[in-house]
Amino acid sequence: MLSLLGYGMIVVFMILIMTKKLSALVALIIIPIIFALIAGFGGEMGEMMIEGLKKVAPTAIMVIFAILYFSTMFDTGLFDPIIRFFLRIINGDPVKAVMCSAILAAMVSLDGDGSTTYMICVTAMLPLFKRIRLDPLALTCVVFLAGSITNLLPWGGPLARVAASLKVESSDLFIPLIPTMVCGFVGVLVLSWYIGIRERRRLGKLSINTSSYGSVNEDDAESYLPAINEVNEELRRPKLFWLNAGLTLLLMGALVMELLPLSVLFMVAFALALLINYPHIDAQRQRIAAHAPAALNQTSIFLAAGIFAGILSGTGMVTAMSASLLNVLPDSWGPYLAPITALISLPGTFFMSNDAFYYGVLPVLAEAAKVYGIDPVEIGRASLVGQPIHLLSPLVASTYLLVGLAGVEFSDHQKYTFKWAFLLCMIFLASGLLLGLYPLYSPGE
């Protein structure tokens, strides 16, 4: 019964937001409460929601100060040279614009944090997309898919969960995955090229007035970026560019090395950014007031997602869903458990959190696979195949940040990206099988 309610809750949620009957924020709060009441957990809901909020609170704090930090850096003009650099390469060509977005996302996402990737890439590329009149969903799609590949880094999260759950070394999981990740990124580049071609056909190739093809002079670049020109020039700090760039690089390094919790790092970085660029109290208040609405809008989604996940977990729906998922597998499928695990990871990590799937379902699958001579580390690699689909789940708060920054609907992003995320999962699966990361068939002893 709990399993049916759990799946029903997620399906109803998806239908309501995809048909735009409710906003994601309202649905994330109201739908789980209704299903918890139906399941008879009215008295315990408060504790469940608080537990869910506790889990997302550090991320919500991080998002608040990360938005404030990067918005402040945008005010100072830190990203202007990045945009101009891509302008010179792109020269108004939609194909180059989409491909450069994917490459930028792959570079930035090496720190393993999706929220940071989304903020930097969308901030840098969205003004360009708007000027060329490209579909912003193309931007969210390629940035999202490129980030889903580097999400498999050991410090990205899912791989660490697999290693802890199966008690295997992270290096044993990750190093064999590198060729698969390369194949995936090549696939994303090909997709970016295809989307760019499709956008070029839709719009016709646009280019800036240039002295020669492929080059853009400074005046053209400035006029090409209305988003930059609209910012008050008094906020620009060109003389502090290298200091701001150094602070940002230092922040990225600290994030990768995990010197402090992410939320604390962004709080400290934002405080330093204000102190360096806007030392007067009035100016600091103005910067905070200017960017607080964006921070509040995104954080509210994170907190609402915490309530959703808290009720899903606290009612036992996640546990029941895990059990039902395992019970439907016939015994004759045992020798194929590696590719089956990979395929199960698509709906498994979409309908459940990574914690629920990797700590609840994966150990059971790995134990069953031992009978057929399949090593736990092989099952662990197979279980990571579904991560591009997982990131489209309504349970992943960072995706709300991506669509919020790009100004698109969550449901529209899902519709646009799902088929490409599924294709990327199949690239992971096929390359993993061909490279011997896990067996297609293992009869056991």
Protein backbone atom coordinates (compact mmCIF):
# COMPACT_ATOMS: atom_id res chain seq x y z
CA MET A 1 0.00 0.00 0.00
CA LEU A 2 2.79 2.42 0.94
CA SER A 3 4.59 1.57 -2.29
CA LEU A 4 1.52 2.44 -4.36
CA LEU A 5 1.05 5.68 -2.45
CA GLY A 6 4.70 6.60 -2.96
CA TYR A 7 4.60 6.07 -6.70
CA GLY A 8 1.18 7.72 -6.84
CA MET A 9 2.46 10.78 -5.01
CA ILE A 10 5.30 11.28 -7.47
CA VAL A 11 3.11 10.61 -10.52
CA VAL A 12 0.46 13.09 -9.33
CA PHE A 13 3.17 15.65 -8.62
CA MET A 14 4.65 15.21 -12.10
CA ILE A 15 1.26 15.47 -13.81
CA LEU A 16 0.34 18.65 -11.94
CA ILE A 17 3.56 20.49 -12.70
CA MET A 18 3.84 19.25 -16.30
CA THR A 19 0.28 20.37 -17.05
CA LYS A 20 1.01 23.60 -15.17
CA LYS A 21 -1.94 23.11 -12.81
CA LEU A 22 0.32 23.95 -9.86
CA SER A 23 3.69 25.60 -9.49
CA ALA A 24 6.55 23.34 -8.39
CA LEU A 25 6.77 25.18 -5.05
CA VAL A 26 3.10 24.64 -4.18
CA ALA A 27 3.06 21.04 -5.44
CA LEU A 28 6.18 20.09 -3.47
CA ILE A 29 4.46 21.17 -0.25
CA ILE A 30 0.81 20.29 -0.76
CA ILE A 31 0.99 16.92 -2.58
CA PRO A 32 3.11 15.03 0.01
CA ILE A 33 0.92 16.36 2.85
CA ILE A 34 -2.21 15.04 1.15
CA PHE A 35 -0.67 11.60 0.55
CA ALA A 36 0.72 11.43 4.09
CA LEU A 37 -2.77 12.13 5.43
CA ILE A 38 -4.20 9.41 3.18
CA ALA A 39 -1.58 7.00 4.53
CA GLY A 40 -2.55 7.86 8.11
CA PHE A 41 0.59 9.77 9.13
CA GLY A 42 -1.11 13.04 10.06
CA GLY A 43 0.29 13.07 13.59
CA GLU A 44 3.91 12.42 12.56
CA MET A 45 4.09 14.74 9.55
CA GLY A 46 5.63 17.61 11.47
CA GLU A 47 8.70 15.64 12.52
CA MET A 48 9.09 14.20 9.02
CA MET A 49 9.03 17.63 7.43
CA ILE A 50 11.54 19.02 9.94
CA GLU A 51 13.89 16.10 9.23
CA GLY A 52 13.60 16.79 5.52
CA LEU A 53 14.28 20.49 6.06
CA LYS A 54 17.35 19.69 8.17
CA LYS A 55 18.83 17.69 5.31
CA VAL A 56 18.39 20.43 2.71
CA ALA A 57 19.16 23.38 5.00
CA PRO A 58 22.94 23.42 4.31
CA THR A 59 22.27 23.30 0.56
CA ALA A 60 19.66 26.06 0.83
CA ILE A 61 22.10 28.27 2.73
CA MET A 62 24.79 27.54 0.18
CA VAL A 63 22.44 28.51 -2.67
CA ILE A 64 21.49 31.80 -1.00
CA PHE A 65 25.08 32.95 -0.63
CA ALA A 66 26.23 31.42 -3.91
CA ILE A 67 23.59 33.44 -5.79
CA LEU A 68 24.56 36.56 -3.85
CA TYR A 69 28.24 35.92 -4.55
CA PHE A 70 27.99 35.26 -8.29
CA SER A 71 25.45 38.05 -8.77
CA THR A 72 27.88 40.43 -7.09
CA MET A 73 30.69 39.18 -9.33
CA PHE A 74 28.46 39.82 -12.34
CA ASP A 75 27.91 43.38 -11.09
CA THR A 76 31.67 43.90 -10.86
CA GLY A 77 32.13 42.79 -14.47
CA LEU A 78 34.05 39.59 -13.71
CA PHE A 79 32.20 37.60 -16.38
CA ASP A 80 32.39 40.25 -19.11
CA PRO A 81 35.72 38.93 -20.54
CA ILE A 82 34.34 35.37 -20.53
CA ILE A 83 31.32 36.42 -22.56
CA ARG A 84 33.45 38.48 -24.95
CA PHE A 85 35.80 35.51 -25.42
CA PHE A 86 32.91 33.27 -26.39
CA LEU A 87 31.54 36.02 -28.62
CA ARG A 88 34.75 36.03 -30.62
CA ILE A 89 34.56 32.26 -31.02
CA ILE A 90 30.80 32.04 -31.59
CA ASN A 91 30.40 35.04 -33.90
CA GLY A 92 26.62 34.77 -33.72
CA ASP A 93 26.55 31.13 -34.89
CA PRO A 94 23.96 29.03 -32.98
CA VAL A 95 26.02 25.85 -33.45
CA LYS A 96 29.07 27.37 -31.80
CA ALA A 97 26.94 28.95 -29.08
CA VAL A 98 25.41 25.64 -27.99
CA MET A 99 28.69 23.71 -28.24
CA CYS A 100 30.60 26.35 -26.29
CA SER A 101 27.95 26.16 -23.57
CA ALA A 102 28.52 22.41 -23.24
CA ILE A 103 32.30 22.83 -23.10
CA LEU A 104 32.05 25.61 -20.50
CA ALA A 105 29.73 23.46 -18.37
CA ALA A 106 32.11 20.51 -18.54
CA MET A 107 35.01 22.72 -17.41
CA VAL A 108 33.16 24.48 -14.61
CA SER A 109 31.49 21.32 -13.28
CA LEU A 110 34.83 19.71 -12.47
CA ASP A 111 34.34 20.97 -8.93
CA GLY A 112 31.51 18.43 -8.64
CA ASP A 113 28.86 20.93 -7.57
CA GLY A 114 25.90 21.26 -9.93
CA SER A 115 24.57 24.47 -8.38
CA THR A 116 27.86 26.30 -8.98
CA THR A 117 27.99 25.02 -12.56
CA TYR A 118 24.49 26.22 -13.31
CA MET A 119 25.06 29.66 -11.83
CA ILE A 120 28.31 30.32 -13.71
CA CYS A 121 27.22 28.87 -17.07
CA VAL A 122 23.76 30.42 -17.19
CA THR A 123 25.07 33.78 -16.01
CA ALA A 124 27.75 33.76 -18.70
CA MET A 125 25.76 32.36 -21.63
CA LEU A 126 22.11 33.38 -21.19
CA PRO A 127 22.61 37.00 -22.35
CA LEU A 128 24.21 35.67 -25.52
CA PHE A 129 21.40 33.16 -26.11
CA LYS A 130 18.81 35.89 -25.68
CA ARG A 131 20.59 38.20 -28.10
CA ILE A 132 20.84 35.50 -30.79
CA ARG A 133 17.25 34.49 -29.93
CA LEU A 134 18.20 30.89 -29.22
CA ASP A 135 15.84 28.71 -27.23
CA PRO A 136 16.96 28.91 -23.56
CA LEU A 137 15.91 25.26 -23.21
CA ALA A 138 18.84 24.41 -25.48
CA LEU A 139 21.12 26.06 -22.92
CA THR A 140 19.61 24.27 -19.92
CA CYS A 141 19.73 20.96 -21.81
CA VAL A 142 23.42 20.94 -22.76
CA VAL A 143 24.60 22.48 -19.49
CA PHE A 144 22.55 19.91 -17.60
CA LEU A 145 23.86 16.94 -19.61
CA ALA A 146 27.49 18.03 -19.45
CA GLY A 147 27.14 18.47 -15.69
CA SER A 148 25.56 15.01 -15.33
CA ILE A 149 28.77 13.46 -16.65
CA THR A 150 31.10 15.17 -14.19
CA ASN A 151 28.56 14.35 -11.48
CA LEU A 152 30.21 10.90 -11.60
CA LEU A 153 33.47 12.27 -10.19
CA PRO A 154 34.41 10.78 -6.78
CA TRP A 155 33.61 14.08 -5.05
CA GLY A 156 30.37 14.54 -7.00
CA GLY A 157 28.18 12.49 -4.65
CA PRO A 158 26.66 9.40 -6.33
CA LEU A 159 29.94 7.51 -6.66
CA ALA A 160 30.81 8.18 -3.02
CA ARG A 161 27.41 6.78 -2.00
CA VAL A 162 28.00 3.62 -4.06
CA ALA A 163 31.46 3.14 -2.54
CA ALA A 164 30.11 3.52 0.99
CA SER A 165 27.08 1.32 0.35
CA LEU A 166 29.01 -1.58 -1.19
CA LYS A 167 32.16 -1.02 0.90
CA VAL A 168 34.45 -0.80 -2.14
CA GLU A 169 37.24 1.62 -3.03
CA SER A 170 36.21 4.79 -4.89
CA SER A 171 39.20 4.38 -7.22
CA ASP A 172 38.02 0.87 -8.21
CA LEU A 173 34.71 2.38 -9.25
CA PHE A 174 35.92 5.59 -10.83
CA ILE A 175 39.08 4.85 -12.84
CA PRO A 176 37.40 2.28 -15.15
CA LEU A 177 34.54 4.76 -15.62
CA ILE A 178 36.77 7.45 -17.17
CA PRO A 179 36.55 6.11 -20.78
CA THR A 180 32.76 5.87 -20.39
CA MET A 181 32.62 9.49 -19.21
CA VAL A 182 34.70 10.51 -22.24
CA CYS A 183 32.26 8.67 -24.52
CA GLY A 184 29.40 10.45 -22.79
CA PHE A 185 30.98 13.87 -23.26
CA VAL A 186 31.60 13.16 -26.95
CA GLY A 187 27.92 12.27 -27.16
CA VAL A 188 26.98 15.59 -25.52
CA LEU A 189 29.16 17.49 -27.99
CA VAL A 190 27.49 15.70 -30.92
CA LEU A 191 24.10 16.50 -29.42
CA SER A 192 25.12 20.14 -28.95
CA TRP A 193 26.13 20.28 -32.61
CA TYR A 194 22.76 18.78 -33.62
CA ILE A 195 20.76 21.18 -31.45
CA GLY A 196 22.81 24.07 -32.81
CA ILE A 197 22.12 22.98 -36.39
CA ARG A 198 18.42 22.75 -35.59
CA GLU A 199 18.45 26.24 -34.04
CA ARG A 200 20.39 27.60 -37.02
CA ARG A 201 17.76 26.26 -39.39
CA ARG A 202 15.02 27.76 -37.25
CA LEU A 203 16.53 31.21 -37.05
CA GLY A 204 18.88 31.42 -39.97
CA LYS A 205 22.51 32.04 -39.21
CA LEU A 206 23.00 35.34 -37.39
CA SER A 207 26.30 37.09 -37.07
CA ILE A 208 27.52 40.39 -35.72
CA ASN A 209 28.88 43.07 -37.98
CA THR A 210 32.57 42.29 -38.01
CA SER A 211 35.56 43.46 -39.88
CA SER A 212 36.23 39.84 -40.88
CA TYR A 213 34.44 36.56 -40.24
CA GLY A 214 35.32 35.05 -36.88
CA SER A 215 36.51 38.23 -35.21
CA VAL A 216 34.61 40.74 -33.13
CA ASN A 217 35.88 44.15 -32.22
CA GLU A 218 35.35 45.56 -28.76
CA ASP A 219 32.53 47.93 -29.71
CA ASP A 220 30.57 45.14 -31.41
CA ALA A 221 31.02 42.89 -28.41
CA GLU A 222 29.75 45.57 -26.06
CA SER A 223 26.67 46.31 -28.15
CA TYR A 224 25.98 42.60 -28.44
CA LEU A 225 25.46 42.24 -24.71
CA PRO A 226 22.45 44.24 -23.57
CA ALA A 227 22.51 42.46 -20.23
CA ILE A 228 25.96 43.89 -19.59
CA ASN A 229 25.10 47.35 -20.81
CA GLU A 230 21.99 47.51 -18.64
CA VAL A 231 24.07 47.12 -15.49
CA ASN A 232 24.96 50.40 -13.86
CA GLU A 233 28.53 51.20 -14.87
CA GLU A 234 29.11 52.56 -11.37
CA LEU A 235 28.97 48.98 -10.13
CA ARG A 236 31.77 47.85 -12.44
CA ARG A 237 35.18 47.26 -10.85
CA PRO A 238 37.58 46.73 -13.81
CA LYS A 239 40.62 47.64 -11.70
CA LEU A 240 39.72 44.83 -9.29
CA PHE A 241 39.23 42.21 -12.01
CA TRP A 242 42.25 40.09 -11.13
CA LEU A 243 41.53 40.33 -7.43
CA ASN A 244 37.94 39.16 -8.03
CA ALA A 245 39.14 36.42 -10.38
CA GLY A 246 41.66 35.28 -7.77
CA LEU A 247 38.98 35.22 -5.08
CA THR A 248 36.71 33.14 -7.32
CA LEU A 249 39.49 30.69 -8.20
CA LEU A 250 40.39 30.42 -4.53
CA LEU A 251 36.74 29.69 -3.76
CA MET A 252 36.61 26.99 -6.44
CA GLY A 253 39.78 25.39 -5.10
CA ALA A 254 38.40 25.43 -1.58
CA LEU A 255 35.19 23.81 -2.83
CA VAL A 256 37.09 20.98 -4.50
CA MET A 257 39.34 20.41 -1.47
CA GLU A 258 36.35 20.76 0.89
CA LEU A 259 38.31 22.99 3.27
CA LEU A 260 35.03 24.07 4.86
CA PRO A 261 31.35 23.22 4.31
CA LEU A 262 30.09 24.68 1.02
CA SER A 263 27.62 26.97 2.76
CA VAL A 264 30.36 28.44 4.95
CA LEU A 265 32.72 28.91 1.99
CA PHE A 266 30.13 30.90 0.05
CA MET A 267 29.21 32.97 3.10
CA VAL A 268 32.85 33.92 3.64
CA ALA A 269 33.44 34.54 -0.08
CA PHE A 270 30.38 36.79 -0.34
CA ALA A 271 31.45 38.79 2.69
CA LEU A 272 34.92 39.28 1.20
CA ALA A 273 33.45 40.17 -2.21
CA LEU A 274 31.34 42.94 -0.65
CA LEU A 275 34.23 44.20 1.46
CA ILE A 276 36.61 44.34 -1.53
CA ASN A 277 34.27 45.79 -4.16
CA TYR A 278 31.71 47.80 -2.17
CA PRO A 279 33.31 48.79 1.14
CA HIS A 280 30.63 51.33 2.08
CA ILE A 281 27.71 50.05 4.14
CA ASP A 282 25.05 51.65 1.94
CA ALA A 283 26.50 50.06 -1.19
CA GLN A 284 26.59 46.66 0.52
CA ARG A 285 22.95 46.96 1.53
CA GLN A 286 21.99 47.90 -2.02
CA ARG A 287 23.76 44.84 -3.47
CA ILE A 288 22.08 42.52 -0.98
CA ALA A 289 18.67 44.07 -1.62
CA ALA A 290 19.14 43.86 -5.39
CA HIS A 291 19.85 40.12 -5.42
CA ALA A 292 17.85 38.92 -2.41
CA PRO A 293 14.66 38.22 -4.45
CA ALA A 294 16.48 35.78 -6.75
CA ALA A 295 18.08 34.05 -3.77
CA LEU A 296 14.73 33.78 -1.97
CA ASN A 297 12.94 32.37 -5.02
CA GLN A 298 15.47 29.61 -5.48
CA THR A 299 15.85 28.78 -1.78
CA SER A 300 12.10 28.39 -1.31
CA ILE A 301 12.14 25.57 -3.89
CA PHE A 302 14.98 23.82 -2.06
CA LEU A 303 13.12 23.98 1.24
CA ALA A 304 9.89 22.74 -0.36
CA ALA A 305 11.82 19.81 -1.88
CA GLY A 306 13.04 19.03 1.66
CA ILE A 307 9.44 18.67 2.85
CA PHE A 308 8.64 16.40 -0.10
CA ALA A 309 11.66 14.15 0.52
CA GLY A 310 11.11 14.17 4.29
CA ILE A 311 7.57 12.85 3.99
CA LEU A 312 8.53 10.36 1.27
CA SER A 313 11.23 8.93 3.54
CA GLY A 314 9.56 9.34 6.94
CA THR A 315 6.35 7.55 5.98
CA GLY A 316 8.32 4.52 4.82
CA MET A 317 7.15 4.98 1.22
CA VAL A 318 10.75 4.88 -0.04
CA THR A 319 11.42 1.56 1.72
CA ALA A 320 8.21 0.07 0.36
CA MET A 321 9.03 1.31 -3.14
CA SER A 322 12.48 -0.33 -2.91
CA ALA A 323 10.98 -3.68 -1.87
CA SER A 324 8.38 -3.61 -4.63
CA LEU A 325 11.07 -2.81 -7.19
CA LEU A 326 13.06 -5.89 -6.20
CA ASN A 327 10.06 -8.22 -5.99
CA VAL A 328 9.15 -7.80 -9.66
CA LEU A 329 12.45 -9.34 -10.88
CA PRO A 330 12.07 -13.01 -11.96
CA ASP A 331 14.81 -15.46 -10.85
CA SER A 332 15.66 -16.25 -14.48
CA TRP A 333 16.92 -12.72 -14.89
CA GLY A 334 19.73 -13.29 -12.38
CA PRO A 335 22.59 -13.73 -14.90
CA TYR A 336 21.65 -10.37 -16.43
CA LEU A 337 21.69 -8.49 -13.13
CA ALA A 338 24.44 -6.06 -14.18
CA PRO A 339 22.58 -4.51 -17.15
CA ILE A 340 19.30 -4.90 -15.24
CA THR A 341 20.80 -2.86 -12.39
CA ALA A 342 21.81 -0.20 -14.92
CA LEU A 343 18.28 -0.06 -16.33
CA ILE A 344 16.68 -0.11 -12.87
CA SER A 345 18.83 2.88 -11.92
CA LEU A 346 16.91 5.05 -14.41
CA PRO A 347 13.48 4.88 -12.75
CA GLY A 348 15.03 3.99 -9.38
CA THR A 349 17.03 7.17 -8.97
CA PHE A 350 14.28 9.24 -10.63
CA PHE A 351 11.52 8.19 -8.24
CA MET A 352 13.81 7.95 -5.19
CA SER A 353 16.63 10.02 -3.84
CA ASN A 354 20.20 8.84 -4.44
CA ASP A 355 20.41 7.98 -0.75
CA ALA A 356 17.31 5.79 -0.92
CA PHE A 357 18.42 3.94 -4.05
CA TYR A 358 22.11 3.47 -3.27
CA TYR A 359 21.73 2.68 0.41
CA GLY A 360 18.42 0.81 0.16
CA VAL A 361 18.15 -0.99 -3.19
CA LEU A 362 21.75 -1.35 -4.39
CA PRO A 363 23.07 -3.55 -1.54
CA VAL A 364 20.26 -6.06 -2.16
CA LEU A 365 21.01 -6.16 -5.89
CA ALA A 366 24.73 -6.57 -5.23
CA GLU A 367 24.15 -9.43 -2.80
CA ALA A 368 21.91 -11.22 -5.30
CA ALA A 369 24.47 -10.71 -8.08
CA LYS A 370 27.20 -12.50 -6.11
CA VAL A 371 25.41 -15.80 -6.73
CA TYR A 372 26.04 -15.32 -10.45
CA GLY A 373 29.68 -14.34 -10.05
CA ILE A 374 29.12 -10.62 -10.55
CA ASP A 375 31.42 -8.55 -8.36
CA PRO A 376 29.87 -5.78 -6.20
CA VAL A 377 32.13 -3.19 -7.84
CA GLU A 378 30.65 -4.14 -11.24
CA ILE A 379 27.11 -3.72 -9.92
CA GLY A 380 28.23 -0.41 -8.44
CA ARG A 381 29.45 0.89 -11.81
CA ALA A 382 26.24 -0.27 -13.49
CA SER A 383 24.13 1.54 -10.90
CA LEU A 384 25.60 4.90 -11.95
CA VAL A 385 24.21 4.66 -15.50
CA GLY A 386 20.94 6.39 -14.57
CA GLN A 387 22.40 9.62 -13.20
CA PRO A 388 21.41 11.84 -16.19
CA ILE A 389 17.78 10.76 -15.66
CA HIS A 390 18.10 11.12 -11.89
CA LEU A 391 18.98 14.80 -12.22
CA LEU A 392 15.64 15.40 -13.98
CA SER A 393 13.79 14.14 -10.91
CA PRO A 394 11.62 16.58 -8.96
CA LEU A 395 13.59 15.46 -5.90
CA VAL A 396 16.81 17.12 -7.18
CA ALA A 397 16.78 20.66 -5.89
CA SER A 398 19.70 21.97 -7.97
CA THR A 399 17.72 21.48 -11.20
CA TYR A 400 15.19 24.02 -9.96
CA LEU A 401 18.09 26.45 -9.68
CA LEU A 402 19.05 25.79 -13.31
CA VAL A 403 15.58 26.43 -14.71
CA GLY A 404 15.04 29.39 -12.40
CA LEU A 405 18.22 31.12 -13.58
CA ALA A 406 17.35 30.45 -17.22
CA GLY A 407 13.75 31.62 -16.78
CA VAL A 408 12.14 28.41 -18.08
CA GLU A 409 9.56 26.06 -16.58
CA PHE A 410 10.78 22.91 -14.85
CA SER A 411 8.28 20.80 -16.82
CA ASP A 412 9.40 22.33 -20.14
CA HIS A 413 13.02 21.51 -19.28
CA GLN A 414 12.02 17.92 -18.49
CA LYS A 415 10.13 17.51 -21.78
CA TYR A 416 12.98 19.01 -23.82
CA THR A 417 15.82 17.15 -22.10
CA PHE A 418 14.39 13.74 -21.16
CA LYS A 419 14.99 11.95 -24.48
CA TRP A 420 18.56 13.25 -24.63
CA ALA A 421 19.21 12.28 -21.00
CA PHE A 422 17.89 8.80 -21.78
CA LEU A 423 20.17 8.59 -24.83
CA LEU A 424 23.15 9.61 -22.68
CA CYS A 425 22.25 6.83 -20.22
CA MET A 426 22.27 4.36 -23.13
CA ILE A 427 25.72 5.62 -24.17
CA PHE A 428 26.91 4.98 -20.62
CA LEU A 429 25.36 1.49 -20.67
CA ALA A 430 26.64 0.48 -24.10
CA SER A 431 30.17 1.80 -23.56
CA GLY A 432 30.30 0.17 -20.12
CA LEU A 433 29.36 -3.20 -21.58
CA LEU A 434 31.81 -2.86 -24.49
CA LEU A 435 34.65 -1.82 -22.17
CA GLY A 436 33.92 -4.67 -19.77
CA LEU A 437 33.00 -2.50 -16.79
CA TYR A 438 30.24 -5.01 -16.02
CA PRO A 439 29.10 -8.22 -17.78
CA LEU A 440 26.07 -8.51 -20.03
CA TYR A 441 25.58 -12.13 -18.93
CA SER A 442 27.15 -14.05 -16.05
CA PRO A 443 25.81 -17.58 -15.41
CA GLY A 444 27.82 -17.98 -12.22
CA GLU A 445 29.16 -21.31 -10.99
